[in-house]
Amino acid sequence: QVQLVESGGGLVQAGGSLGLSCAASGSFFSINAMGWYRQAPGKQRELVATITSGGRINYADSVKGRFTVSRDNTKNTVYLQMNSLKPEDTAVYYCAAEVRTRLGQLFTNNFWGQGTQVTVSS
């Protein structure tokens, strides 16, 4: 099993910055991709940013130029630096990981963190 623990959420004023981190632990062979999703009240969960083990990155259009995703493969940790925050960024942010749990496994399993609240005031 894999556990993902997020940290770094909080309250910030519009235009400010926050940094999130997510560390993976447990029993697994490798992590292919890690990323961040968010869900605001009354809305569906949406992609924020993903990054593969090779460094390929995908951002939602709404955060391009403001957010930066990165990872440390040695620490099995993914980061999200959020700058120029807007009130519409307010949501619960969830860490996700695409994992191969053992050597030789061809398919992957997806795991989710518990979420961390990000609130941006105007």
PDB file of N, CA and C in Angstrom:
ATOM      1  N   GLN A   1       0.844  -1.186   0.000  1.00  0.00           N
ATOM      2  CA  GLN A   1       0.000   0.000   0.000  1.00  0.00           C
ATOM      3  C   GLN A   1       0.882   1.240   0.000  1.00  0.00           C
ATOM      4  N   VAL A   2       0.335   2.331  -0.542  1.00  0.00           N
ATOM      5  CA  VAL A   2       1.047   3.590  -0.649  1.00  0.00           C
ATOM      6  C   VAL A   2       0.278   4.657   0.110  1.00  0.00           C
ATOM      7  N   GLN A   3       1.009   5.455   0.843  1.00  0.00           N
ATOM      8  CA  GLN A   3       0.420   6.585   1.543  1.00  0.00           C
ATOM      9  C   GLN A   3       1.000   7.880   0.994  1.00  0.00           C
ATOM     10  N   LEU A   4       0.138   8.864   0.791  1.00  0.00           N
ATOM     11  CA  LEU A   4       0.543  10.181   0.328  1.00  0.00           C
ATOM     12  C   LEU A   4       0.132  11.199   1.379  1.00  0.00           C
ATOM     13  N   VAL A   5       1.070  11.997   1.824  1.00  0.00           N
ATOM     14  CA  VAL A   5       0.812  12.976   2.862  1.00  0.00           C
ATOM     15  C   VAL A   5       1.145  14.360   2.331  1.00  0.00           C
ATOM     16  N   GLU A   6       0.130  15.224   2.267  1.00  0.00           N
ATOM     17  CA  GLU A   6       0.298  16.584   1.789  1.00  0.00           C
ATOM     18  C   GLU A   6       0.548  17.531   2.961  1.00  0.00           C
ATOM     19  N   SER A   7       1.232  18.614   2.658  1.00  0.00           N
ATOM     20  CA  SER A   7       1.438  19.665   3.639  1.00  0.00           C
ATOM     21  C   SER A   7       1.619  20.987   2.916  1.00  0.00           C
ATOM     22  N   GLY A   8       1.409  22.073   3.637  1.00  0.00           N
ATOM     23  CA  GLY A   8       1.674  23.397   3.097  1.00  0.00           C
ATOM     24  C   GLY A   8       0.463  24.244   2.786  1.00  0.00           C
ATOM     25  N   GLY A   9      -0.729  23.699   2.934  1.00  0.00           N
ATOM     26  CA  GLY A   9      -1.919  24.485   2.680  1.00  0.00           C
ATOM     27  C   GLY A   9      -2.113  25.553   3.732  1.00  0.00           C
ATOM     28  N   GLY A  10      -3.023  26.470   3.449  1.00  0.00           N
ATOM     29  CA  GLY A  10      -3.294  27.533   4.390  1.00  0.00           C
ATOM     30  C   GLY A  10      -4.091  28.657   3.777  1.00  0.00           C
ATOM     31  N   LEU A  11      -4.074  29.780   4.456  1.00  0.00           N
ATOM     32  CA  LEU A  11      -4.798  30.975   4.042  1.00  0.00           C
ATOM     33  C   LEU A  11      -3.813  32.023   3.558  1.00  0.00           C
ATOM     34  N   VAL A  12      -4.112  32.615   2.419  1.00  0.00           N
ATOM     35  CA  VAL A  12      -3.255  33.643   1.854  1.00  0.00           C
ATOM     36  C   VAL A  12      -4.115  34.677   1.141  1.00  0.00           C
ATOM     37  N   GLN A  13      -3.630  35.895   1.088  1.00  0.00           N
ATOM     38  CA  GLN A  13      -4.342  36.948   0.382  1.00  0.00           C
ATOM     39  C   GLN A  13      -4.072  36.866  -1.115  1.00  0.00           C
ATOM     40  N   ALA A  14      -5.022  37.336  -1.903  1.00  0.00           N
ATOM     41  CA  ALA A  14      -4.848  37.342  -3.350  1.00  0.00           C
ATOM     42  C   ALA A  14      -3.537  38.021  -3.730  1.00  0.00           C
ATOM     43  N   GLY A  15      -2.829  37.392  -4.663  1.00  0.00           N
ATOM     44  CA  GLY A  15      -1.526  37.879  -5.074  1.00  0.00           C
ATOM     45  C   GLY A  15      -0.374  37.251  -4.326  1.00  0.00           C
ATOM     46  N   GLY A  16      -0.672  36.535  -3.261  1.00  0.00           N
ATOM     47  CA  GLY A  16       0.355  35.900  -2.466  1.00  0.00           C
ATOM     48  C   GLY A  16       0.758  34.542  -3.000  1.00  0.00           C
ATOM     49  N   SER A  17       1.574  33.850  -2.213  1.00  0.00           N
ATOM     50  CA  SER A  17       2.134  32.570  -2.631  1.00  0.00           C
ATOM     51  C   SER A  17       2.001  31.528  -1.539  1.00  0.00           C
ATOM     52  N   LEU A  18       1.918  30.279  -1.959  1.00  0.00           N
ATOM     53  CA  LEU A  18       1.959  29.128  -1.079  1.00  0.00           C
ATOM     54  C   LEU A  18       2.723  28.008  -1.768  1.00  0.00           C
ATOM     55  N   GLY A  19       3.373  27.180  -0.967  1.00  0.00           N
ATOM     56  CA  GLY A  19       4.042  26.009  -1.485  1.00  0.00           C
ATOM     57  C   GLY A  19       3.495  24.749  -0.848  1.00  0.00           C
ATOM     58  N   LEU A  20       3.134  23.779  -1.673  1.00  0.00           N
ATOM     59  CA  LEU A  20       2.625  22.501  -1.204  1.00  0.00           C
ATOM     60  C   LEU A  20       3.665  21.415  -1.436  1.00  0.00           C
ATOM     61  N   SER A  21       3.647  20.407  -0.593  1.00  0.00           N
ATOM     62  CA  SER A  21       4.498  19.249  -0.782  1.00  0.00           C
ATOM     63  C   SER A  21       3.710  17.990  -0.496  1.00  0.00           C
ATOM     64  N   CYS A  22       4.143  16.905  -1.094  1.00  0.00           N
ATOM     65  CA  CYS A  22       3.486  15.618  -0.917  1.00  0.00           C
ATOM     66  C   CYS A  22       4.545  14.528  -0.953  1.00  0.00           C
ATOM     67  N   ALA A  23       4.631  13.760   0.108  1.00  0.00           N
ATOM     68  CA  ALA A  23       5.608  12.688   0.217  1.00  0.00           C
ATOM     69  C   ALA A  23       4.917  11.332   0.158  1.00  0.00           C
ATOM     70  N   ALA A  24       5.443  10.455  -0.669  1.00  0.00           N
ATOM     71  CA  ALA A  24       4.917   9.105  -0.802  1.00  0.00           C
ATOM     72  C   ALA A  24       5.729   8.133   0.040  1.00  0.00           C
ATOM     73  N   SER A  25       5.040   7.226   0.693  1.00  0.00           N
ATOM     74  CA  SER A  25       5.703   6.202   1.484  1.00  0.00           C
ATOM     75  C   SER A  25       4.910   4.902   1.390  1.00  0.00           C
ATOM     76  N   GLY A  26       5.525   3.818   1.803  1.00  0.00           N
ATOM     77  CA  GLY A  26       4.867   2.523   1.780  1.00  0.00           C
ATOM     78  C   GLY A  26       5.602   1.526   0.912  1.00  0.00           C
ATOM     79  N   SER A  27       4.855   0.553   0.397  1.00  0.00           N
ATOM     80  CA  SER A  27       5.433  -0.523  -0.406  1.00  0.00           C
ATOM     81  C   SER A  27       5.126  -0.301  -1.880  1.00  0.00           C
ATOM     82  N   PHE A  28       6.150   0.014  -2.639  1.00  0.00           N
ATOM     83  CA  PHE A  28       6.005   0.183  -4.076  1.00  0.00           C
ATOM     84  C   PHE A  28       7.364   0.058  -4.738  1.00  0.00           C
ATOM     85  N   PHE A  29       7.329  -0.218  -6.034  1.00  0.00           N
ATOM     86  CA  PHE A  29       8.568  -0.346  -6.780  1.00  0.00           C
ATOM     87  C   PHE A  29       8.994   0.979  -7.397  1.00  0.00           C
ATOM     88  N   SER A  30       8.044   1.673  -8.009  1.00  0.00           N
ATOM     89  CA  SER A  30       8.376   2.938  -8.646  1.00  0.00           C
ATOM     90  C   SER A  30       7.124   3.791  -8.764  1.00  0.00           C
ATOM     91  N   ILE A  31       7.340   5.080  -8.913  1.00  0.00           N
ATOM     92  CA  ILE A  31       6.267   6.032  -9.146  1.00  0.00           C
ATOM     93  C   ILE A  31       6.458   6.640 -10.527  1.00  0.00           C
ATOM     94  N   ASN A  32       5.502   6.416 -11.406  1.00  0.00           N
ATOM     95  CA  ASN A  32       5.610   6.943 -12.765  1.00  0.00           C
ATOM     96  C   ASN A  32       5.323   8.437 -12.820  1.00  0.00           C
ATOM     97  N   ALA A  33       4.183   8.822 -12.298  1.00  0.00           N
ATOM     98  CA  ALA A  33       3.772  10.212 -12.342  1.00  0.00           C
ATOM     99  C   ALA A  33       3.206  10.634 -11.000  1.00  0.00           C
ATOM    100  N   MET A  34       3.374  11.893 -10.689  1.00  0.00           N
ATOM    101  CA  MET A  34       2.777  12.485  -9.511  1.00  0.00           C
ATOM    102  C   MET A  34       2.125  13.789  -9.935  1.00  0.00           C
ATOM    103  N   GLY A  35       1.170  14.223  -9.158  1.00  0.00           N
ATOM    104  CA  GLY A  35       0.522  15.461  -9.534  1.00  0.00           C
ATOM    105  C   GLY A  35      -0.419  15.977  -8.481  1.00  0.00           C
ATOM    106  N   TRP A  36      -1.063  17.063  -8.859  1.00  0.00           N
ATOM    107  CA  TRP A  36      -1.984  17.762  -7.982  1.00  0.00           C
ATOM    108  C   TRP A  36      -3.319  17.971  -8.667  1.00  0.00           C
ATOM    109  N   TYR A  37      -4.377  17.743  -7.921  1.00  0.00           N
ATOM    110  CA  TYR A  37      -5.737  18.009  -8.339  1.00  0.00           C
ATOM    111  C   TYR A  37      -6.393  18.862  -7.272  1.00  0.00           C
ATOM    112  N   ARG A  38      -7.479  19.529  -7.628  1.00  0.00           N
ATOM    113  CA  ARG A  38      -8.172  20.338  -6.648  1.00  0.00           C
ATOM    114  C   ARG A  38      -9.671  20.233  -6.840  1.00  0.00           C
ATOM    115  N   GLN A  39     -10.391  20.485  -5.764  1.00  0.00           N
ATOM    116  CA  GLN A  39     -11.842  20.423  -5.791  1.00  0.00           C
ATOM    117  C   GLN A  39     -12.404  21.536  -4.925  1.00  0.00           C
ATOM    118  N   ALA A  40     -13.157  22.410  -5.553  1.00  0.00           N
ATOM    119  CA  ALA A  40     -13.847  23.481  -4.859  1.00  0.00           C
ATOM    120  C   ALA A  40     -15.254  23.014  -4.500  1.00  0.00           C
ATOM    121  N   PRO A  41     -15.866  23.623  -3.492  1.00  0.00           N
ATOM    122  CA  PRO A  41     -17.226  23.230  -3.111  1.00  0.00           C
ATOM    123  C   PRO A  41     -18.198  23.305  -4.277  1.00  0.00           C
ATOM    124  N   GLY A  42     -18.952  22.236  -4.479  1.00  0.00           N
ATOM    125  CA  GLY A  42     -19.935  22.198  -5.538  1.00  0.00           C
ATOM    126  C   GLY A  42     -19.387  21.947  -6.922  1.00  0.00           C
ATOM    127  N   LYS A  43     -18.092  21.714  -7.044  1.00  0.00           N
ATOM    128  CA  LYS A  43     -17.472  21.485  -8.338  1.00  0.00           C
ATOM    129  C   LYS A  43     -16.770  20.132  -8.359  1.00  0.00           C
ATOM    130  N   GLN A  44     -16.525  19.629  -9.554  1.00  0.00           N
ATOM    131  CA  GLN A  44     -15.813  18.375  -9.708  1.00  0.00           C
ATOM    132  C   GLN A  44     -14.312  18.579  -9.532  1.00  0.00           C
ATOM    133  N   ARG A  45     -13.655  17.509  -9.160  1.00  0.00           N
ATOM    134  CA  ARG A  45     -12.212  17.553  -9.029  1.00  0.00           C
ATOM    135  C   ARG A  45     -11.575  17.785 -10.398  1.00  0.00           C
ATOM    136  N   GLU A  46     -10.575  18.642 -10.444  1.00  0.00           N
ATOM    137  CA  GLU A  46      -9.920  18.970 -11.694  1.00  0.00           C
ATOM    138  C   GLU A  46      -8.410  18.890 -11.566  1.00  0.00           C
ATOM    139  N   LEU A  47      -7.773  18.631 -12.679  1.00  0.00           N
ATOM    140  CA  LEU A  47      -6.321  18.574 -12.720  1.00  0.00           C
ATOM    141  C   LEU A  47      -5.730  19.961 -12.535  1.00  0.00           C
ATOM    142  N   VAL A  48      -4.656  20.023 -11.762  1.00  0.00           N
ATOM    143  CA  VAL A  48      -3.878  21.246 -11.614  1.00  0.00           C
ATOM    144  C   VAL A  48      -2.556  21.114 -12.359  1.00  0.00           C
ATOM    145  N   ALA A  49      -1.790  20.095 -12.017  1.00  0.00           N
ATOM    146  CA  ALA A  49      -0.494  19.872 -12.647  1.00  0.00           C
ATOM    147  C   ALA A  49      -0.045  18.448 -12.405  1.00  0.00           C
ATOM    148  N   THR A  50       0.645  17.872 -13.380  1.00  0.00           N
ATOM    149  CA  THR A  50       1.240  16.553 -13.230  1.00  0.00           C
ATOM    150  C   THR A  50       2.675  16.594 -13.735  1.00  0.00           C
ATOM    151  N   ILE A  51       3.474  15.661 -13.238  1.00  0.00           N
ATOM    152  CA  ILE A  51       4.861  15.551 -13.670  1.00  0.00           C
ATOM    153  C   ILE A  51       5.253  14.082 -13.656  1.00  0.00           C
ATOM    154  N   THR A  52       5.853  13.618 -14.740  1.00  0.00           N
ATOM    155  CA  THR A  52       6.292  12.238 -14.838  1.00  0.00           C
ATOM    156  C   THR A  52       7.673  12.084 -14.229  1.00  0.00           C
ATOM    157  N   SER A  53       8.097  10.829 -14.091  1.00  0.00           N
ATOM    158  CA  SER A  53       9.428  10.567 -13.557  1.00  0.00           C
ATOM    159  C   SER A  53      10.517  11.123 -14.463  1.00  0.00           C
ATOM    160  N   GLY A  54      10.222  11.270 -15.756  1.00  0.00           N
ATOM    161  CA  GLY A  54      11.163  11.841 -16.696  1.00  0.00           C
ATOM    162  C   GLY A  54      11.108  13.350 -16.798  1.00  0.00           C
ATOM    163  N   GLY A  55      10.199  13.972 -16.063  1.00  0.00           N
ATOM    164  CA  GLY A  55      10.136  15.418 -16.020  1.00  0.00           C
ATOM    165  C   GLY A  55       9.147  16.065 -16.969  1.00  0.00           C
ATOM    166  N   ARG A  56       8.298  15.283 -17.626  1.00  0.00           N
ATOM    167  CA  ARG A  56       7.289  15.864 -18.503  1.00  0.00           C
ATOM    168  C   ARG A  56       6.157  16.435 -17.659  1.00  0.00           C
ATOM    169  N   ILE A  57       5.776  17.665 -17.933  1.00  0.00           N
ATOM    170  CA  ILE A  57       4.846  18.407 -17.096  1.00  0.00           C
ATOM    171  C   ILE A  57       3.606  18.804 -17.883  1.00  0.00           C
ATOM    172  N   ASN A  58       2.479  18.759 -17.208  1.00  0.00           N
ATOM    173  CA  ASN A  58       1.217  19.218 -17.763  1.00  0.00           C
ATOM    174  C   ASN A  58       0.529  20.115 -16.744  1.00  0.00           C
ATOM    175  N   TYR A  59       0.086  21.294 -17.186  1.00  0.00           N
ATOM    176  CA  TYR A  59      -0.625  22.234 -16.335  1.00  0.00           C
ATOM    177  C   TYR A  59      -2.017  22.495 -16.869  1.00  0.00           C
ATOM    178  N   ALA A  60      -2.927  22.754 -15.962  1.00  0.00           N
ATOM    179  CA  ALA A  60      -4.202  23.302 -16.368  1.00  0.00           C
ATOM    180  C   ALA A  60      -3.997  24.713 -16.902  1.00  0.00           C
ATOM    181  N   ASP A  61      -4.797  25.093 -17.900  1.00  0.00           N
ATOM    182  CA  ASP A  61      -4.648  26.422 -18.484  1.00  0.00           C
ATOM    183  C   ASP A  61      -4.804  27.529 -17.439  1.00  0.00           C
ATOM    184  N   SER A  62      -5.640  27.301 -16.456  1.00  0.00           N
ATOM    185  CA  SER A  62      -5.931  28.322 -15.473  1.00  0.00           C
ATOM    186  C   SER A  62      -4.756  28.640 -14.549  1.00  0.00           C
ATOM    187  N   VAL A  63      -3.755  27.764 -14.495  1.00  0.00           N
ATOM    188  CA  VAL A  63      -2.633  27.982 -13.590  1.00  0.00           C
ATOM    189  C   VAL A  63      -1.310  28.189 -14.311  1.00  0.00           C
ATOM    190  N   LYS A  64      -1.293  28.075 -15.618  1.00  0.00           N
ATOM    191  CA  LYS A  64      -0.054  28.253 -16.366  1.00  0.00           C
ATOM    192  C   LYS A  64       0.532  29.636 -16.131  1.00  0.00           C
ATOM    193  N   GLY A  65       1.827  29.667 -15.903  1.00  0.00           N
ATOM    194  CA  GLY A  65       2.506  30.917 -15.645  1.00  0.00           C
ATOM    195  C   GLY A  65       2.489  31.342 -14.201  1.00  0.00           C
ATOM    196  N   ARG A  66       1.678  30.693 -13.379  1.00  0.00           N
ATOM    197  CA  ARG A  66       1.583  31.040 -11.968  1.00  0.00           C
ATOM    198  C   ARG A  66       2.058  29.916 -11.049  1.00  0.00           C
ATOM    199  N   PHE A  67       1.776  28.676 -11.427  1.00  0.00           N
ATOM    200  CA  PHE A  67       2.135  27.527 -10.603  1.00  0.00           C
ATOM    201  C   PHE A  67       3.311  26.788 -11.221  1.00  0.00           C
ATOM    202  N   THR A  68       4.119  26.178 -10.373  1.00  0.00           N
ATOM    203  CA  THR A  68       5.235  25.370 -10.817  1.00  0.00           C
ATOM    204  C   THR A  68       5.238  24.048 -10.061  1.00  0.00           C
ATOM    205  N   VAL A  69       5.236  22.953 -10.804  1.00  0.00           N
ATOM    206  CA  VAL A  69       5.293  21.631 -10.193  1.00  0.00           C
ATOM    207  C   VAL A  69       6.695  21.062 -10.373  1.00  0.00           C
ATOM    208  N   SER A  70       7.180  20.376  -9.362  1.00  0.00           N
ATOM    209  CA  SER A  70       8.493  19.751  -9.424  1.00  0.00           C
ATOM    210  C   SER A  70       8.478  18.512  -8.544  1.00  0.00           C
ATOM    211  N   ARG A  71       9.513  17.695  -8.665  1.00  0.00           N
ATOM    212  CA  ARG A  71       9.580  16.503  -7.824  1.00  0.00           C
ATOM    213  C   ARG A  71      11.019  16.147  -7.502  1.00  0.00           C
ATOM    214  N   ASP A  72      11.174  15.473  -6.397  1.00  0.00           N
ATOM    215  CA  ASP A  72      12.445  14.939  -5.961  1.00  0.00           C
ATOM    216  C   ASP A  72      12.285  13.426  -5.906  1.00  0.00           C
ATOM    217  N   ASN A  73      12.821  12.737  -6.891  1.00  0.00           N
ATOM    218  CA  ASN A  73      12.638  11.290  -6.967  1.00  0.00           C
ATOM    219  C   ASN A  73      13.336  10.557  -5.826  1.00  0.00           C
ATOM    220  N   THR A  74      14.409  11.130  -5.326  1.00  0.00           N
ATOM    221  CA  THR A  74      15.111  10.513  -4.207  1.00  0.00           C
ATOM    222  C   THR A  74      14.235  10.464  -2.966  1.00  0.00           C
ATOM    223  N   LYS A  75      13.455  11.521  -2.768  1.00  0.00           N
ATOM    224  CA  LYS A  75      12.590  11.618  -1.601  1.00  0.00           C
ATOM    225  C   LYS A  75      11.151  11.191  -1.881  1.00  0.00           C
ATOM    226  N   ASN A  76      10.850  10.792  -3.116  1.00  0.00           N
ATOM    227  CA  ASN A  76       9.486  10.437  -3.511  1.00  0.00           C
ATOM    228  C   ASN A  76       8.501  11.540  -3.149  1.00  0.00           C
ATOM    229  N   THR A  77       8.875  12.743  -3.484  1.00  0.00           N
ATOM    230  CA  THR A  77       8.103  13.911  -3.099  1.00  0.00           C
ATOM    231  C   THR A  77       7.817  14.787  -4.312  1.00  0.00           C
ATOM    232  N   VAL A  78       6.605  15.306  -4.377  1.00  0.00           N
ATOM    233  CA  VAL A  78       6.212  16.248  -5.411  1.00  0.00           C
ATOM    234  C   VAL A  78       5.854  17.566  -4.746  1.00  0.00           C
ATOM    235  N   TYR A  79       6.163  18.656  -5.432  1.00  0.00           N
ATOM    236  CA  TYR A  79       5.932  19.985  -4.900  1.00  0.00           C
ATOM    237  C   TYR A  79       5.058  20.792  -5.853  1.00  0.00           C
ATOM    238  N   LEU A  80       4.366  21.753  -5.302  1.00  0.00           N
ATOM    239  CA  LEU A  80       3.606  22.695  -6.097  1.00  0.00           C
ATOM    240  C   LEU A  80       3.816  24.085  -5.518  1.00  0.00           C
ATOM    241  N   GLN A  81       4.524  24.918  -6.257  1.00  0.00           N
ATOM    242  CA  GLN A  81       4.718  26.304  -5.865  1.00  0.00           C
ATOM    243  C   GLN A  81       3.651  27.144  -6.545  1.00  0.00           C
ATOM    244  N   MET A  82       2.852  27.824  -5.756  1.00  0.00           N
ATOM    245  CA  MET A  82       1.727  28.590  -6.263  1.00  0.00           C
ATOM    246  C   MET A  82       1.985  30.071  -6.015  1.00  0.00           C
ATOM    247  N   ASN A  83       2.109  30.822  -7.086  1.00  0.00           N
ATOM    248  CA  ASN A  83       2.327  32.256  -7.018  1.00  0.00           C
ATOM    249  C   ASN A  83       1.141  32.998  -7.625  1.00  0.00           C
ATOM    250  N   SER A  84       1.052  34.275  -7.329  1.00  0.00           N
ATOM    251  CA  SER A  84      -0.020  35.120  -7.861  1.00  0.00           C
ATOM    252  C   SER A  84      -1.381  34.477  -7.663  1.00  0.00           C
ATOM    253  N   LEU A  85      -1.634  34.029  -6.462  1.00  0.00           N
ATOM    254  CA  LEU A  85      -2.864  33.300  -6.174  1.00  0.00           C
ATOM    255  C   LEU A  85      -4.091  34.187  -6.322  1.00  0.00           C
ATOM    256  N   LYS A  86      -5.161  33.565  -6.787  1.00  0.00           N
ATOM    257  CA  LYS A  86      -6.435  34.231  -7.001  1.00  0.00           C
ATOM    258  C   LYS A  86      -7.507  33.572  -6.143  1.00  0.00           C
ATOM    259  N   PRO A  87      -8.570  34.295  -5.819  1.00  0.00           N
ATOM    260  CA  PRO A  87      -9.654  33.681  -5.034  1.00  0.00           C
ATOM    261  C   PRO A  87     -10.205  32.411  -5.675  1.00  0.00           C
ATOM    262  N   GLU A  88     -10.232  32.341  -6.990  1.00  0.00           N
ATOM    263  CA  GLU A  88     -10.742  31.149  -7.660  1.00  0.00           C
ATOM    264  C   GLU A  88      -9.830  29.938  -7.512  1.00  0.00           C
ATOM    265  N   ASP A  89      -8.642  30.124  -6.958  1.00  0.00           N
ATOM    266  CA  ASP A  89      -7.769  28.999  -6.647  1.00  0.00           C
ATOM    267  C   ASP A  89      -8.169  28.307  -5.348  1.00  0.00           C
ATOM    268  N   THR A  90      -9.083  28.878  -4.613  1.00  0.00           N
ATOM    269  CA  THR A  90      -9.528  28.294  -3.352  1.00  0.00           C
ATOM    270  C   THR A  90     -10.137  26.920  -3.588  1.00  0.00           C
ATOM    271  N   ALA A  91      -9.606  25.915  -2.904  1.00  0.00           N
ATOM    272  CA  ALA A  91     -10.064  24.541  -3.079  1.00  0.00           C
ATOM    273  C   ALA A  91      -9.304  23.642  -2.118  1.00  0.00           C
ATOM    274  N   VAL A  92      -9.751  22.404  -2.032  1.00  0.00           N
ATOM    275  CA  VAL A  92      -8.956  21.366  -1.402  1.00  0.00           C
ATOM    276  C   VAL A  92      -8.039  20.788  -2.464  1.00  0.00           C
ATOM    277  N   TYR A  93      -6.762  20.776  -2.187  1.00  0.00           N
ATOM    278  CA  TYR A  93      -5.775  20.279  -3.127  1.00  0.00           C
ATOM    279  C   TYR A  93      -5.360  18.871  -2.740  1.00  0.00           C
ATOM    280  N   TYR A  94      -5.416  17.967  -3.712  1.00  0.00           N
ATOM    281  CA  TYR A  94      -5.114  16.565  -3.491  1.00  0.00           C
ATOM    282  C   TYR A  94      -3.874  16.148  -4.261  1.00  0.00           C
ATOM    283  N   CYS A  95      -3.010  15.443  -3.599  1.00  0.00           N
ATOM    284  CA  CYS A  95      -1.859  14.835  -4.237  1.00  0.00           C
ATOM    285  C   CYS A  95      -2.254  13.485  -4.818  1.00  0.00           C
ATOM    286  N   ALA A  96      -1.695  13.144  -5.968  1.00  0.00           N
ATOM    287  CA  ALA A  96      -1.956  11.857  -6.594  1.00  0.00           C
ATOM    288  C   ALA A  96      -0.656  11.260  -7.114  1.00  0.00           C
ATOM    289  N   ALA A  97      -0.608   9.932  -7.141  1.00  0.00           N
ATOM    290  CA  ALA A  97       0.571   9.239  -7.636  1.00  0.00           C
ATOM    291  C   ALA A  97       0.162   8.016  -8.434  1.00  0.00           C
ATOM    292  N   GLU A  98       0.836   7.808  -9.541  1.00  0.00           N
ATOM    293  CA  GLU A  98       0.661   6.622 -10.377  1.00  0.00           C
ATOM    294  C   GLU A  98       1.815   5.685 -10.052  1.00  0.00           C
ATOM    295  N   VAL A  99       1.496   4.508  -9.525  1.00  0.00           N
ATOM    296  CA  VAL A  99       2.492   3.675  -8.861  1.00  0.00           C
ATOM    297  C   VAL A  99       2.511   2.257  -9.432  1.00  0.00           C
ATOM    298  N   ARG A 100       3.713   1.727  -9.605  1.00  0.00           N
ATOM    299  CA  ARG A 100       3.919   0.298  -9.801  1.00  0.00           C
ATOM    300  C   ARG A 100       4.325  -0.267  -8.453  1.00  0.00           C
ATOM    301  N   THR A 101       3.529  -1.185  -7.937  1.00  0.00           N
ATOM    302  CA  THR A 101       3.724  -1.650  -6.576  1.00  0.00           C
ATOM    303  C   THR A 101       4.800  -2.718  -6.435  1.00  0.00           C
ATOM    304  N   ARG A 102       5.190  -3.347  -7.535  1.00  0.00           N
ATOM    305  CA  ARG A 102       6.230  -4.360  -7.462  1.00  0.00           C
ATOM    306  C   ARG A 102       6.950  -4.498  -8.794  1.00  0.00           C
ATOM    307  N   LEU A 103       8.131  -5.065  -8.729  1.00  0.00           N
ATOM    308  CA  LEU A 103       8.921  -5.291  -9.933  1.00  0.00           C
ATOM    309  C   LEU A 103       8.185  -6.229 -10.886  1.00  0.00           C
ATOM    310  N   GLY A 104       8.146  -5.883 -12.164  1.00  0.00           N
ATOM    311  CA  GLY A 104       7.505  -6.699 -13.173  1.00  0.00           C
ATOM    312  C   GLY A 104       6.051  -6.372 -13.434  1.00  0.00           C
ATOM    313  N   GLN A 105       5.453  -5.556 -12.601  1.00  0.00           N
ATOM    314  CA  GLN A 105       4.069  -5.149 -12.802  1.00  0.00           C
ATOM    315  C   GLN A 105       3.979  -4.204 -13.993  1.00  0.00           C
ATOM    316  N   LEU A 106       3.101  -4.522 -14.950  1.00  0.00           N
ATOM    317  CA  LEU A 106       2.978  -3.708 -16.150  1.00  0.00           C
ATOM    318  C   LEU A 106       1.945  -2.599 -16.011  1.00  0.00           C
ATOM    319  N   PHE A 107       0.958  -2.793 -15.177  1.00  0.00           N
ATOM    320  CA  PHE A 107      -0.050  -1.786 -14.956  1.00  0.00           C
ATOM    321  C   PHE A 107       0.288  -0.975 -13.716  1.00  0.00           C
ATOM    322  N   THR A 108      -0.414   0.118 -13.549  1.00  0.00           N
ATOM    323  CA  THR A 108      -0.186   0.994 -12.411  1.00  0.00           C
ATOM    324  C   THR A 108      -1.452   1.146 -11.581  1.00  0.00           C
ATOM    325  N   ASN A 109      -1.258   1.564 -10.362  1.00  0.00           N
ATOM    326  CA  ASN A 109      -2.354   1.889  -9.464  1.00  0.00           C
ATOM    327  C   ASN A 109      -2.256   3.357  -9.081  1.00  0.00           C
ATOM    328  N   ASN A 110      -3.401   3.989  -8.957  1.00  0.00           N
ATOM    329  CA  ASN A 110      -3.446   5.385  -8.562  1.00  0.00           C
ATOM    330  C   ASN A 110      -3.780   5.509  -7.083  1.00  0.00           C
ATOM    331  N   PHE A 111      -3.070   6.405  -6.410  1.00  0.00           N
ATOM    332  CA  PHE A 111      -3.291   6.656  -4.997  1.00  0.00           C
ATOM    333  C   PHE A 111      -3.486   8.143  -4.777  1.00  0.00           C
ATOM    334  N   TRP A 112      -4.248   8.462  -3.740  1.00  0.00           N
ATOM    335  CA  TRP A 112      -4.600   9.836  -3.434  1.00  0.00           C
ATOM    336  C   TRP A 112      -4.270  10.183  -1.998  1.00  0.00           C
ATOM    337  N   GLY A 113      -3.855  11.415  -1.788  1.00  0.00           N
ATOM    338  CA  GLY A 113      -3.670  11.919  -0.443  1.00  0.00           C
ATOM    339  C   GLY A 113      -4.985  12.358   0.156  1.00  0.00           C
ATOM    340  N   GLN A 114      -4.930  12.808   1.391  1.00  0.00           N
ATOM    341  CA  GLN A 114      -6.147  13.189   2.106  1.00  0.00           C
ATOM    342  C   GLN A 114      -6.630  14.592   1.759  1.00  0.00           C
ATOM    343  N   GLY A 115      -5.795  15.381   1.125  1.00  0.00           N
ATOM    344  CA  GLY A 115      -6.154  16.731   0.734  1.00  0.00           C
ATOM    345  C   GLY A 115      -5.693  17.771   1.740  1.00  0.00           C
ATOM    346  N   THR A 116      -5.399  18.955   1.230  1.00  0.00           N
ATOM    347  CA  THR A 116      -5.036  20.079   2.077  1.00  0.00           C
ATOM    348  C   THR A 116      -5.761  21.324   1.568  1.00  0.00           C
ATOM    349  N   GLN A 117      -6.289  22.096   2.496  1.00  0.00           N
ATOM    350  CA  GLN A 117      -7.106  23.252   2.136  1.00  0.00           C
ATOM    351  C   GLN A 117      -6.237  24.445   1.765  1.00  0.00           C
ATOM    352  N   VAL A 118      -6.555  25.052   0.634  1.00  0.00           N
ATOM    353  CA  VAL A 118      -5.941  26.311   0.217  1.00  0.00           C
ATOM    354  C   VAL A 118      -7.054  27.336   0.083  1.00  0.00           C
ATOM    355  N   THR A 119      -6.943  28.419   0.824  1.00  0.00           N
ATOM    356  CA  THR A 119      -7.941  29.472   0.787  1.00  0.00           C
ATOM    357  C   THR A 119      -7.274  30.792   0.422  1.00  0.00           C
ATOM    358  N   VAL A 120      -7.789  31.439  -0.612  1.00  0.00           N
ATOM    359  CA  VAL A 120      -7.252  32.709  -1.082  1.00  0.00           C
ATOM    360  C   VAL A 120      -8.318  33.775  -0.882  1.00  0.00           C
ATOM    361  N   SER A 121      -8.020  34.759  -0.078  1.00  0.00           N
ATOM    362  CA  SER A 121      -8.956  35.828   0.201  1.00  0.00           C
ATOM    363  C   SER A 121      -8.725  37.009  -0.734  1.00  0.00           C
ATOM    364  N   SER A 122      -9.786  37.754  -1.002  1.00  0.00           N
ATOM    365  CA  SER A 122      -9.698  38.911  -1.878  1.00  0.00           C
ATOM    366  C   SER A 122      -9.470  40.185  -1.092  1.00  0.00           C
TER     367      SER A 122
END
